[in-house]
Amino acid sequence: MSEEMDVMAARLDEAANDAANLMKALSNPGRLRILCALVPGDKTVSEIEEAVGASQSYVSGQLLRLRAEGLVECTRAGRSMHYQLADPRVRPLLERVYELFCPV
């Protein structure tokens, strides 16, 4: 195998691993509901709780995981935290999922 093919194979492996890790993060229905809730725009934790019908502790735990995965980020506004989608590569995918599966 040539060096160029080795480099291409390594890049493909890296891209496949990145995609697989994203799909793992999206494979949890609770996390996916939270991400879908953020497609229209940023929300506070309480707004996310209401949108997905889950407790504060569950939503906070899932948001922590999503932040660690680099899928959401938060900003502080006074005493509340506002969450939004962080990875621009994920937005088009989530918009399509939102369009197909999330109720209006």
N, C-alpha and C. Protein backbone atom coordinates (compact mmCIF):
# COMPACT_ATOMS: atom_id res chain seq x y z
N MET A 1 0.85 -1.18 0.00
CA MET A 1 0.00 0.00 0.00
C MET A 1 0.90 1.24 0.00
N SER A 2 0.56 2.23 -0.79
CA SER A 2 1.37 3.44 -0.87
C SER A 2 1.14 4.32 0.36
N GLU A 3 2.04 5.24 0.55
CA GLU A 3 1.93 6.16 1.69
C GLU A 3 0.67 7.01 1.57
N GLU A 4 0.34 7.43 0.36
CA GLU A 4 -0.86 8.23 0.14
C GLU A 4 -2.12 7.45 0.51
N MET A 5 -2.16 6.18 0.16
CA MET A 5 -3.31 5.35 0.52
C MET A 5 -3.38 5.15 2.02
N ASP A 6 -2.23 5.02 2.68
CA ASP A 6 -2.20 4.89 4.14
C ASP A 6 -2.79 6.14 4.80
N VAL A 7 -2.41 7.31 4.29
CA VAL A 7 -2.92 8.57 4.84
C VAL A 7 -4.42 8.66 4.63
N MET A 8 -4.88 8.30 3.43
CA MET A 8 -6.32 8.34 3.15
C MET A 8 -7.08 7.37 4.04
N ALA A 9 -6.53 6.18 4.25
CA ALA A 9 -7.17 5.19 5.12
C ALA A 9 -7.22 5.70 6.55
N ALA A 10 -6.17 6.35 7.01
CA ALA A 10 -6.14 6.89 8.37
C ALA A 10 -7.18 7.99 8.53
N ARG A 11 -7.33 8.84 7.52
CA ARG A 11 -8.34 9.91 7.57
C ARG A 11 -9.74 9.32 7.58
N LEU A 12 -9.95 8.30 6.77
CA LEU A 12 -11.26 7.65 6.73
C LEU A 12 -11.58 6.99 8.06
N ASP A 13 -10.59 6.34 8.67
CA ASP A 13 -10.78 5.73 9.99
C ASP A 13 -11.16 6.79 11.03
N GLU A 14 -10.46 7.91 11.00
CA GLU A 14 -10.74 8.98 11.96
C GLU A 14 -12.15 9.53 11.76
N ALA A 15 -12.53 9.76 10.50
CA ALA A 15 -13.87 10.28 10.21
C ALA A 15 -14.94 9.27 10.63
N ALA A 16 -14.70 8.00 10.37
CA ALA A 16 -15.67 6.97 10.75
C ALA A 16 -15.81 6.89 12.27
N ASN A 17 -14.70 7.02 12.98
CA ASN A 17 -14.75 7.01 14.45
C ASN A 17 -15.52 8.22 14.98
N ASP A 18 -15.27 9.39 14.39
CA ASP A 18 -16.00 10.59 14.80
C ASP A 18 -17.51 10.42 14.57
N ALA A 19 -17.86 9.90 13.40
CA ALA A 19 -19.27 9.70 13.08
C ALA A 19 -19.90 8.67 14.01
N ALA A 20 -19.18 7.59 14.30
CA ALA A 20 -19.71 6.55 15.20
C ALA A 20 -19.92 7.11 16.60
N ASN A 21 -18.99 7.94 17.08
CA ASN A 21 -19.14 8.54 18.41
C ASN A 21 -20.34 9.47 18.45
N LEU A 22 -20.56 10.22 17.37
CA LEU A 22 -21.74 11.08 17.31
C LEU A 22 -23.01 10.24 17.34
N MET A 23 -23.03 9.18 16.56
CA MET A 23 -24.22 8.32 16.53
C MET A 23 -24.48 7.68 17.89
N LYS A 24 -23.43 7.34 18.62
CA LYS A 24 -23.61 6.81 19.98
C LYS A 24 -24.29 7.84 20.87
N ALA A 25 -23.82 9.09 20.78
CA ALA A 25 -24.42 10.15 21.59
C ALA A 25 -25.88 10.37 21.22
N LEU A 26 -26.19 10.24 19.94
CA LEU A 26 -27.57 10.44 19.47
C LEU A 26 -28.47 9.24 19.70
N SER A 27 -27.87 8.10 20.02
CA SER A 27 -28.66 6.87 20.14
C SER A 27 -29.49 6.79 21.41
N ASN A 28 -29.26 7.68 22.36
CA ASN A 28 -30.04 7.71 23.59
C ASN A 28 -31.28 8.58 23.35
N PRO A 29 -32.49 8.03 23.50
CA PRO A 29 -33.69 8.82 23.22
C PRO A 29 -33.79 10.10 24.04
N GLY A 30 -33.37 10.07 25.30
CA GLY A 30 -33.44 11.27 26.13
C GLY A 30 -32.52 12.37 25.63
N ARG A 31 -31.30 12.00 25.28
CA ARG A 31 -30.37 13.00 24.75
C ARG A 31 -30.85 13.52 23.41
N LEU A 32 -31.39 12.65 22.59
CA LEU A 32 -31.89 13.08 21.29
C LEU A 32 -33.07 14.04 21.45
N ARG A 33 -33.95 13.77 22.41
CA ARG A 33 -35.08 14.69 22.67
C ARG A 33 -34.56 16.06 23.10
N ILE A 34 -33.53 16.07 23.94
CA ILE A 34 -32.95 17.34 24.38
C ILE A 34 -32.36 18.08 23.19
N LEU A 35 -31.61 17.38 22.36
CA LEU A 35 -31.02 18.02 21.19
C LEU A 35 -32.08 18.54 20.23
N CYS A 36 -33.13 17.77 20.02
CA CYS A 36 -34.24 18.22 19.16
C CYS A 36 -34.90 19.47 19.74
N ALA A 37 -35.01 19.53 21.07
CA ALA A 37 -35.60 20.70 21.72
C ALA A 37 -34.76 21.95 21.50
N LEU A 38 -33.46 21.76 21.25
CA LEU A 38 -32.55 22.90 21.05
C LEU A 38 -32.43 23.33 19.60
N VAL A 39 -33.00 22.56 18.67
CA VAL A 39 -32.90 22.92 17.25
C VAL A 39 -33.49 24.30 16.98
N PRO A 40 -34.68 24.64 17.50
CA PRO A 40 -35.25 25.96 17.21
C PRO A 40 -34.46 27.11 17.84
N GLY A 41 -33.71 26.85 18.90
CA GLY A 41 -32.95 27.91 19.56
C GLY A 41 -32.58 27.54 20.98
N ASP A 42 -31.84 28.43 21.63
CA ASP A 42 -31.36 28.13 22.98
C ASP A 42 -32.51 28.08 23.97
N LYS A 43 -32.28 27.33 25.05
CA LYS A 43 -33.29 27.16 26.09
C LYS A 43 -32.59 27.07 27.45
N THR A 44 -33.33 27.43 28.48
CA THR A 44 -32.86 27.23 29.85
C THR A 44 -33.12 25.77 30.24
N VAL A 45 -32.52 25.35 31.34
CA VAL A 45 -32.75 23.99 31.81
C VAL A 45 -34.23 23.76 32.07
N SER A 46 -34.90 24.71 32.69
CA SER A 46 -36.33 24.52 32.98
C SER A 46 -37.14 24.44 31.68
N GLU A 47 -36.78 25.19 30.67
CA GLU A 47 -37.49 25.10 29.39
C GLU A 47 -37.25 23.74 28.73
N ILE A 48 -36.03 23.22 28.87
CA ILE A 48 -35.73 21.89 28.33
C ILE A 48 -36.52 20.84 29.09
N GLU A 49 -36.55 20.95 30.42
CA GLU A 49 -37.33 20.01 31.24
C GLU A 49 -38.77 19.95 30.75
N GLU A 50 -39.36 21.12 30.55
CA GLU A 50 -40.75 21.19 30.10
C GLU A 50 -40.91 20.61 28.70
N ALA A 51 -39.98 20.92 27.81
CA ALA A 51 -40.07 20.46 26.42
C ALA A 51 -39.98 18.94 26.31
N VAL A 52 -39.14 18.33 27.15
CA VAL A 52 -38.94 16.87 27.04
C VAL A 52 -39.69 16.10 28.10
N GLY A 53 -40.31 16.79 29.05
CA GLY A 53 -41.08 16.11 30.08
C GLY A 53 -40.24 15.26 31.01
N ALA A 54 -39.10 15.80 31.43
CA ALA A 54 -38.19 15.05 32.30
C ALA A 54 -37.82 15.90 33.51
N SER A 55 -37.31 15.24 34.54
CA SER A 55 -36.93 15.92 35.77
C SER A 55 -35.66 16.75 35.58
N GLN A 56 -35.47 17.69 36.49
CA GLN A 56 -34.29 18.55 36.44
C GLN A 56 -33.02 17.74 36.56
N SER A 57 -33.01 16.75 37.45
CA SER A 57 -31.79 15.97 37.63
C SER A 57 -31.45 15.15 36.38
N TYR A 58 -32.47 14.58 35.73
CA TYR A 58 -32.22 13.81 34.50
C TYR A 58 -31.70 14.72 33.40
N VAL A 59 -32.38 15.86 33.19
CA VAL A 59 -31.97 16.80 32.14
C VAL A 59 -30.55 17.30 32.40
N SER A 60 -30.26 17.66 33.65
CA SER A 60 -28.92 18.16 33.98
C SER A 60 -27.85 17.10 33.71
N GLY A 61 -28.14 15.87 34.06
CA GLY A 61 -27.18 14.78 33.80
C GLY A 61 -26.94 14.57 32.32
N GLN A 62 -28.01 14.61 31.54
CA GLN A 62 -27.86 14.44 30.09
C GLN A 62 -27.15 15.63 29.46
N LEU A 63 -27.43 16.84 29.96
CA LEU A 63 -26.75 18.02 29.45
C LEU A 63 -25.25 17.96 29.76
N LEU A 64 -24.91 17.44 30.92
CA LEU A 64 -23.50 17.28 31.27
C LEU A 64 -22.82 16.36 30.27
N ARG A 65 -23.46 15.26 29.94
CA ARG A 65 -22.91 14.32 28.96
C ARG A 65 -22.79 14.97 27.58
N LEU A 66 -23.84 15.69 27.17
CA LEU A 66 -23.82 16.35 25.87
C LEU A 66 -22.76 17.43 25.79
N ARG A 67 -22.51 18.12 26.90
CA ARG A 67 -21.42 19.10 26.94
C ARG A 67 -20.08 18.41 26.80
N ALA A 68 -19.91 17.30 27.50
CA ALA A 68 -18.65 16.54 27.42
C ALA A 68 -18.41 16.03 26.00
N GLU A 69 -19.47 15.71 25.29
CA GLU A 69 -19.38 15.24 23.90
C GLU A 69 -19.17 16.39 22.92
N GLY A 70 -19.30 17.64 23.41
CA GLY A 70 -19.13 18.80 22.54
C GLY A 70 -20.34 19.11 21.68
N LEU A 71 -21.50 18.56 22.06
CA LEU A 71 -22.70 18.76 21.26
C LEU A 71 -23.53 19.96 21.70
N VAL A 72 -23.42 20.35 22.97
CA VAL A 72 -24.11 21.54 23.46
C VAL A 72 -23.11 22.40 24.22
N GLU A 73 -23.45 23.67 24.33
CA GLU A 73 -22.67 24.59 25.15
C GLU A 73 -23.66 25.47 25.90
N CYS A 74 -23.17 26.10 26.94
CA CYS A 74 -24.08 26.92 27.72
C CYS A 74 -23.46 28.28 28.01
N THR A 75 -24.33 29.24 28.20
CA THR A 75 -23.93 30.57 28.61
C THR A 75 -24.79 30.96 29.80
N ARG A 76 -24.20 31.72 30.69
CA ARG A 76 -24.93 32.17 31.87
C ARG A 76 -25.58 33.52 31.58
N ALA A 77 -26.84 33.62 31.95
CA ALA A 77 -27.57 34.87 31.85
C ALA A 77 -28.20 35.11 33.21
N GLY A 78 -27.50 35.88 34.04
CA GLY A 78 -27.97 36.07 35.41
C GLY A 78 -27.82 34.78 36.18
N ARG A 79 -28.95 34.28 36.70
CA ARG A 79 -28.91 33.04 37.48
C ARG A 79 -29.25 31.81 36.64
N SER A 80 -29.58 32.00 35.39
CA SER A 80 -29.96 30.84 34.58
C SER A 80 -28.90 30.54 33.52
N MET A 81 -28.87 29.27 33.16
CA MET A 81 -27.96 28.79 32.13
C MET A 81 -28.77 28.56 30.87
N HIS A 82 -28.28 29.06 29.76
CA HIS A 82 -28.93 28.87 28.48
C HIS A 82 -28.09 27.91 27.65
N TYR A 83 -28.73 26.86 27.17
CA TYR A 83 -28.06 25.83 26.38
C TYR A 83 -28.40 26.00 24.91
N GLN A 84 -27.40 25.72 24.07
CA GLN A 84 -27.60 25.75 22.63
C GLN A 84 -26.72 24.67 22.00
N LEU A 85 -27.04 24.35 20.75
CA LEU A 85 -26.22 23.39 20.02
C LEU A 85 -24.84 23.99 19.81
N ALA A 86 -23.80 23.16 19.95
CA ALA A 86 -22.44 23.66 19.88
C ALA A 86 -21.71 23.28 18.60
N ASP A 87 -21.89 22.08 18.14
CA ASP A 87 -21.12 21.58 17.00
C ASP A 87 -21.86 21.90 15.71
N PRO A 88 -21.32 22.77 14.87
CA PRO A 88 -22.04 23.15 13.65
C PRO A 88 -22.27 21.98 12.68
N ARG A 89 -21.47 20.94 12.78
CA ARG A 89 -21.67 19.77 11.92
C ARG A 89 -22.93 19.01 12.29
N VAL A 90 -23.38 19.17 13.52
CA VAL A 90 -24.52 18.41 14.02
C VAL A 90 -25.84 19.07 13.68
N ARG A 91 -25.85 20.38 13.56
CA ARG A 91 -27.10 21.11 13.31
C ARG A 91 -27.86 20.58 12.09
N PRO A 92 -27.23 20.45 10.91
CA PRO A 92 -28.00 19.96 9.75
C PRO A 92 -28.60 18.57 9.98
N LEU A 93 -27.86 17.72 10.65
CA LEU A 93 -28.37 16.37 10.95
C LEU A 93 -29.58 16.45 11.88
N LEU A 94 -29.45 17.24 12.94
CA LEU A 94 -30.55 17.37 13.89
C LEU A 94 -31.75 18.09 13.28
N GLU A 95 -31.50 19.05 12.40
CA GLU A 95 -32.61 19.72 11.73
C GLU A 95 -33.41 18.72 10.90
N ARG A 96 -32.72 17.83 10.25
CA ARG A 96 -33.41 16.81 9.45
C ARG A 96 -34.18 15.85 10.35
N VAL A 97 -33.55 15.40 11.45
CA VAL A 97 -34.23 14.52 12.40
C VAL A 97 -35.45 15.25 12.98
N TYR A 98 -35.26 16.51 13.34
CA TYR A 98 -36.35 17.33 13.89
C TYR A 98 -37.50 17.41 12.88
N GLU A 99 -37.16 17.69 11.63
CA GLU A 99 -38.16 17.80 10.57
C GLU A 99 -38.93 16.51 10.38
N LEU A 100 -38.24 15.39 10.45
CA LEU A 100 -38.87 14.09 10.19
C LEU A 100 -39.61 13.51 11.40
N PHE A 101 -39.08 13.75 12.61
CA PHE A 101 -39.59 13.00 13.76
C PHE A 101 -40.17 13.84 14.89
N CYS A 102 -39.76 15.09 15.03
CA CYS A 102 -40.20 15.87 16.19
C CYS A 102 -41.52 16.58 15.90
N PRO A 103 -42.47 16.47 16.83
CA PRO A 103 -43.77 17.11 16.61
C PRO A 103 -43.64 18.63 16.61
N VAL A 104 -44.49 19.25 15.84
CA VAL A 104 -44.47 20.71 15.73
C VAL A 104 -45.21 21.34 16.88
